[in-house]
Amino acid sequence: MGRAFELTRADLVEHLRWLQREIGYQYCRFHGVFHDDMAVAVRTANGTLTFQWHQVDKVYDTLLSLGLRPFVELNPMPAALASGSQTMFHWKMNVTPPRSYDEWSALVAAFTRHIVE
């Protein structure tokens, strides 16, 4: 596939719908579920870390509505958790480790709980 955020675009979803009708496949893998354009991890002005699932829900609900099961890939490091600013690719995927592994663990745990629910 591509990046998670691309799955919020109606034109791309229509292409996936067409492919699903024509080919019919079961799984979809994509990158960037924690990229900043997905707005998952946000640090407030007072430094509190919060998690938002609006874009994630759109992506996963879309895939499920098309009969696709997602392969879950947990990347990249959100800027709110990153220990640095090193990126790769034109879409600037942050590849630094987390500043705090406790916060990273909290994100992964919250994401997992949310997706299961």
Protein backbone atom coordinates (compact mmCIF):
# COMPACT_ATOMS: atom_id res chain seq x y z
CA MET A 1 0.00 0.00 0.00
CA GLY A 2 1.60 3.28 1.04
CA ARG A 3 1.16 5.49 4.06
CA ALA A 4 -1.72 5.37 6.51
CA PHE A 5 -2.72 8.97 5.84
CA GLU A 6 -3.26 8.18 2.15
CA LEU A 7 -6.08 5.85 3.23
CA THR A 8 -8.05 8.92 4.35
CA ARG A 9 -8.30 10.05 0.69
CA ALA A 10 -11.57 9.21 -1.06
CA ASP A 11 -9.89 8.67 -4.45
CA LEU A 12 -7.46 6.13 -3.06
CA VAL A 13 -10.23 4.31 -1.19
CA GLU A 14 -12.19 4.07 -4.45
CA HIS A 15 -9.14 2.52 -6.12
CA LEU A 16 -8.88 0.01 -3.29
CA ARG A 17 -12.60 -0.75 -3.60
CA TRP A 18 -12.14 -1.42 -7.32
CA LEU A 19 -9.09 -3.62 -6.70
CA GLN A 20 -10.96 -5.55 -4.06
CA ARG A 21 -13.82 -6.23 -6.53
CA GLU A 22 -11.44 -7.18 -9.35
CA ILE A 23 -8.78 -9.14 -7.47
CA GLY A 24 -10.12 -9.76 -4.00
CA TYR A 25 -7.29 -9.97 -1.54
CA GLN A 26 -7.35 -10.41 2.23
CA TYR A 27 -4.59 -8.28 3.75
CA CYS A 28 -3.19 -4.78 3.49
CA ARG A 29 0.08 -3.46 4.89
CA PHE A 30 0.89 0.24 5.09
CA HIS A 31 3.36 2.54 6.81
CA GLY A 32 3.08 5.57 9.01
CA VAL A 33 0.21 4.94 11.41
CA PHE A 34 2.10 7.03 14.01
CA HIS A 35 3.31 9.69 11.54
CA ASP A 36 2.52 13.23 12.62
CA ASP A 37 0.05 13.68 9.76
CA MET A 38 -2.11 11.07 11.56
CA ALA A 39 -2.11 13.27 14.71
CA VAL A 40 -1.98 10.27 17.08
CA ALA A 41 0.45 11.49 19.73
CA VAL A 42 0.10 15.11 20.80
CA ARG A 43 1.84 16.94 23.61
CA THR A 44 -0.24 19.73 25.13
CA ALA A 45 1.14 23.13 26.12
CA ASN A 46 1.66 21.91 29.70
CA GLY A 47 3.63 18.87 28.48
CA THR A 48 0.93 16.24 28.92
CA LEU A 49 0.99 13.50 26.31
CA THR A 50 -2.39 12.67 24.79
CA PHE A 51 -3.47 10.19 22.14
CA GLN A 52 -6.07 10.84 19.43
CA TRP A 53 -7.61 8.09 17.32
CA HIS A 54 -9.77 9.94 14.77
CA GLN A 55 -7.48 9.36 11.76
CA VAL A 56 -6.58 5.84 12.90
CA ASP A 57 -10.28 4.97 13.11
CA LYS A 58 -10.87 6.29 9.59
CA VAL A 59 -8.05 4.16 8.20
CA TYR A 60 -8.89 0.91 9.99
CA ASP A 61 -12.66 1.29 9.53
CA THR A 62 -12.10 1.84 5.80
CA LEU A 63 -9.98 -1.28 5.45
CA LEU A 64 -12.44 -3.40 7.39
CA SER A 65 -15.35 -2.07 5.31
CA LEU A 66 -13.50 -3.26 2.20
CA GLY A 67 -13.00 -6.71 3.69
CA LEU A 68 -9.28 -6.14 4.20
CA ARG A 69 -7.41 -7.20 7.31
CA PRO A 70 -4.52 -4.88 8.15
CA PHE A 71 -1.00 -5.99 8.92
CA VAL A 72 -0.12 -3.72 11.83
CA GLU A 73 3.15 -1.83 11.53
CA LEU A 74 4.04 0.51 14.39
CA ASN A 75 5.97 3.39 12.90
CA PRO A 76 7.30 6.03 12.66
CA MET A 77 8.23 7.74 15.90
CA PRO A 78 5.82 10.64 16.52
CA ALA A 79 7.60 13.96 17.07
CA ALA A 80 5.96 14.25 20.49
CA LEU A 81 7.86 11.12 21.62
CA ALA A 82 11.01 11.31 19.47
CA SER A 83 14.50 11.71 20.85
CA GLY A 84 15.65 13.54 17.73
CA SER A 85 14.66 14.78 14.30
CA GLN A 86 16.41 12.36 11.93
CA THR A 87 14.05 11.34 9.12
CA MET A 88 14.05 9.28 5.97
CA PHE A 89 11.98 9.27 2.78
CA HIS A 90 10.37 12.31 1.21
CA TRP A 91 7.51 12.15 3.75
CA LYS A 92 9.94 12.59 6.65
CA MET A 93 9.47 9.39 8.65
CA ASN A 94 11.15 10.01 12.03
CA VAL A 95 13.57 7.14 12.67
CA THR A 96 14.91 8.15 16.08
CA PRO A 97 14.21 6.07 19.19
CA PRO A 98 11.72 7.34 21.73
CA ARG A 99 12.83 9.94 24.25
CA SER A 100 11.03 7.86 26.88
CA TYR A 101 10.37 4.15 26.51
CA ASP A 102 7.62 4.50 29.13
CA GLU A 103 5.78 6.94 26.85
CA TRP A 104 6.38 4.70 23.82
CA SER A 105 4.99 1.76 25.79
CA ALA A 106 1.95 3.84 26.78
CA LEU A 107 1.31 4.71 23.11
CA VAL A 108 1.60 1.11 21.92
CA ALA A 109 -0.59 -0.16 24.77
CA ALA A 110 -3.25 2.52 24.18
CA PHE A 111 -3.19 1.89 20.42
CA THR A 112 -3.58 -1.86 20.94
CA ARG A 113 -6.47 -1.41 23.36
CA HIS A 114 -8.16 1.04 21.01
CA ILE A 115 -7.84 -1.18 17.94
CA VAL A 116 -9.11 -4.24 19.79
CA GLU A 117 -12.13 -2.31 21.07
